[in-house]
Amino acid sequence: MDVLHVDCDRCVARGPTCEDCVITILLSPPHGVVELDSDEQATLSALAEQGLVPPLRLIPGALPARSIPSSSTRQDYA
């Protein structure tokens, strides 16, 4: 079963877009992660398609940065 992790704290659209997001409408602005299984995702999609709730506006933030090798291990290319 696929699980969608909705982390509002890392959503790029956070702010004005929150007011038109299904998570805010149904749960109020959550803090942390909301997990939706595939049945819940399908239900929310069906409700949004019929205009009963707004769609999920989640735009996940960037992935954590990779570590950069220190100058002692980095090779200089010329």
C-alpha atoms as a PDB file:
ATOM      1  CA  MET A   1       0.000   0.000   0.000  1.00  0.00           C
ATOM      2  CA  ASP A   2       1.408   3.406  -0.976  1.00  0.00           C
ATOM      3  CA  VAL A   3       1.531   6.014   1.760  1.00  0.00           C
ATOM      4  CA  LEU A   4       1.762   9.714   0.995  1.00  0.00           C
ATOM      5  CA  HIS A   5       3.647  11.678   3.637  1.00  0.00           C
ATOM      6  CA  VAL A   6       2.340  15.248   3.708  1.00  0.00           C
ATOM      7  CA  ASP A   7       4.862  17.367   5.607  1.00  0.00           C
ATOM      8  CA  CYS A   8       3.341  20.843   5.693  1.00  0.00           C
ATOM      9  CA  ASP A   9       6.441  22.247   7.381  1.00  0.00           C
ATOM     10  CA  ARG A  10       8.514  21.388   4.268  1.00  0.00           C
ATOM     11  CA  CYS A  11       5.908  22.356   1.647  1.00  0.00           C
ATOM     12  CA  VAL A  12       7.148  25.014  -0.790  1.00  0.00           C
ATOM     13  CA  ALA A  13       3.569  26.261  -1.297  1.00  0.00           C
ATOM     14  CA  ARG A  14       3.113  26.911   2.426  1.00  0.00           C
ATOM     15  CA  GLY A  15       1.568  30.281   3.209  1.00  0.00           C
ATOM     16  CA  PRO A  16      -1.293  31.735   1.166  1.00  0.00           C
ATOM     17  CA  THR A  17      -1.838  28.424  -0.651  1.00  0.00           C
ATOM     18  CA  CYS A  18      -2.570  26.659   2.659  1.00  0.00           C
ATOM     19  CA  GLU A  19      -6.020  28.232   2.765  1.00  0.00           C
ATOM     20  CA  ASP A  20      -6.944  26.347  -0.431  1.00  0.00           C
ATOM     21  CA  CYS A  21      -5.456  22.957   0.475  1.00  0.00           C
ATOM     22  CA  VAL A  22      -7.512  19.951   1.501  1.00  0.00           C
ATOM     23  CA  ILE A  23      -5.251  19.249   4.489  1.00  0.00           C
ATOM     24  CA  THR A  24      -5.978  22.683   5.997  1.00  0.00           C
ATOM     25  CA  ILE A  25      -9.694  22.425   5.221  1.00  0.00           C
ATOM     26  CA  LEU A  26     -10.087  19.015   6.859  1.00  0.00           C
ATOM     27  CA  LEU A  27      -7.466  19.091   9.623  1.00  0.00           C
ATOM     28  CA  SER A  28      -6.660  22.780  10.179  1.00  0.00           C
ATOM     29  CA  PRO A  29      -3.038  23.753   9.559  1.00  0.00           C
ATOM     30  CA  PRO A  30      -1.179  20.707  10.884  1.00  0.00           C
ATOM     31  CA  HIS A  31       2.332  20.738  12.245  1.00  0.00           C
ATOM     32  CA  GLY A  32       4.475  17.812  11.267  1.00  0.00           C
ATOM     33  CA  VAL A  33       3.541  14.983   8.951  1.00  0.00           C
ATOM     34  CA  VAL A  34       0.133  13.686   7.874  1.00  0.00           C
ATOM     35  CA  GLU A  35       0.144  10.220   6.340  1.00  0.00           C
ATOM     36  CA  LEU A  36      -2.504   9.284   3.777  1.00  0.00           C
ATOM     37  CA  ASP A  37      -2.839   5.701   2.581  1.00  0.00           C
ATOM     38  CA  SER A  38      -3.908   4.901  -0.981  1.00  0.00           C
ATOM     39  CA  ASP A  39      -7.609   4.651  -0.053  1.00  0.00           C
ATOM     40  CA  GLU A  40      -7.519   8.047   1.661  1.00  0.00           C
ATOM     41  CA  GLN A  41      -5.690   9.569  -1.309  1.00  0.00           C
ATOM     42  CA  ALA A  42      -8.307   8.181  -3.709  1.00  0.00           C
ATOM     43  CA  THR A  43     -11.139   9.488  -1.543  1.00  0.00           C
ATOM     44  CA  LEU A  44      -9.650  12.981  -1.329  1.00  0.00           C
ATOM     45  CA  SER A  45      -9.031  12.994  -5.093  1.00  0.00           C
ATOM     46  CA  ALA A  46     -12.647  11.979  -5.770  1.00  0.00           C
ATOM     47  CA  LEU A  47     -13.961  14.696  -3.446  1.00  0.00           C
ATOM     48  CA  ALA A  48     -11.707  17.298  -5.080  1.00  0.00           C
ATOM     49  CA  GLU A  49     -12.735  16.248  -8.595  1.00  0.00           C
ATOM     50  CA  GLN A  50     -16.380  16.848  -7.642  1.00  0.00           C
ATOM     51  CA  GLY A  51     -15.560  20.272  -6.184  1.00  0.00           C
ATOM     52  CA  LEU A  52     -16.433  19.289  -2.616  1.00  0.00           C
ATOM     53  CA  VAL A  53     -12.969  20.024  -1.197  1.00  0.00           C
ATOM     54  CA  PRO A  54      -9.912  21.741  -2.649  1.00  0.00           C
ATOM     55  CA  PRO A  55      -7.136  19.501  -3.979  1.00  0.00           C
ATOM     56  CA  LEU A  56      -3.940  18.716  -2.138  1.00  0.00           C
ATOM     57  CA  ARG A  57      -1.607  21.640  -2.850  1.00  0.00           C
ATOM     58  CA  LEU A  58       1.528  19.932  -1.526  1.00  0.00           C
ATOM     59  CA  ILE A  59       4.782  20.856  -3.242  1.00  0.00           C
ATOM     60  CA  PRO A  60       7.485  19.016  -1.312  1.00  0.00           C
ATOM     61  CA  GLY A  61      10.592  21.012  -0.454  1.00  0.00           C
ATOM     62  CA  ALA A  62      14.050  20.255  -1.702  1.00  0.00           C
ATOM     63  CA  LEU A  63      15.797  17.111  -0.623  1.00  0.00           C
ATOM     64  CA  PRO A  64      18.487  17.517   2.012  1.00  0.00           C
ATOM     65  CA  ALA A  65      21.770  18.707   0.541  1.00  0.00           C
ATOM     66  CA  ARG A  66      24.493  16.170  -0.144  1.00  0.00           C
ATOM     67  CA  SER A  67      27.696  16.596   1.757  1.00  0.00           C
ATOM     68  CA  ILE A  68      30.492  18.270  -0.148  1.00  0.00           C
ATOM     69  CA  PRO A  69      33.920  16.652   0.058  1.00  0.00           C
ATOM     70  CA  SER A  70      36.463  18.621   2.022  1.00  0.00           C
ATOM     71  CA  SER A  71      39.302  20.294   0.159  1.00  0.00           C
ATOM     72  CA  SER A  72      41.688  17.518   1.264  1.00  0.00           C
ATOM     73  CA  THR A  73      39.585  14.841  -0.509  1.00  0.00           C
ATOM     74  CA  ARG A  74      38.350  16.933  -3.450  1.00  0.00           C
ATOM     75  CA  GLN A  75      40.129  16.756  -6.779  1.00  0.00           C
ATOM     76  CA  ASP A  76      40.697  19.995  -8.647  1.00  0.00           C
ATOM     77  CA  TYR A  77      39.845  19.832 -12.331  1.00  0.00           C
ATOM     78  CA  ALA A  78      41.548  22.192 -14.748  1.00  0.00           C
END
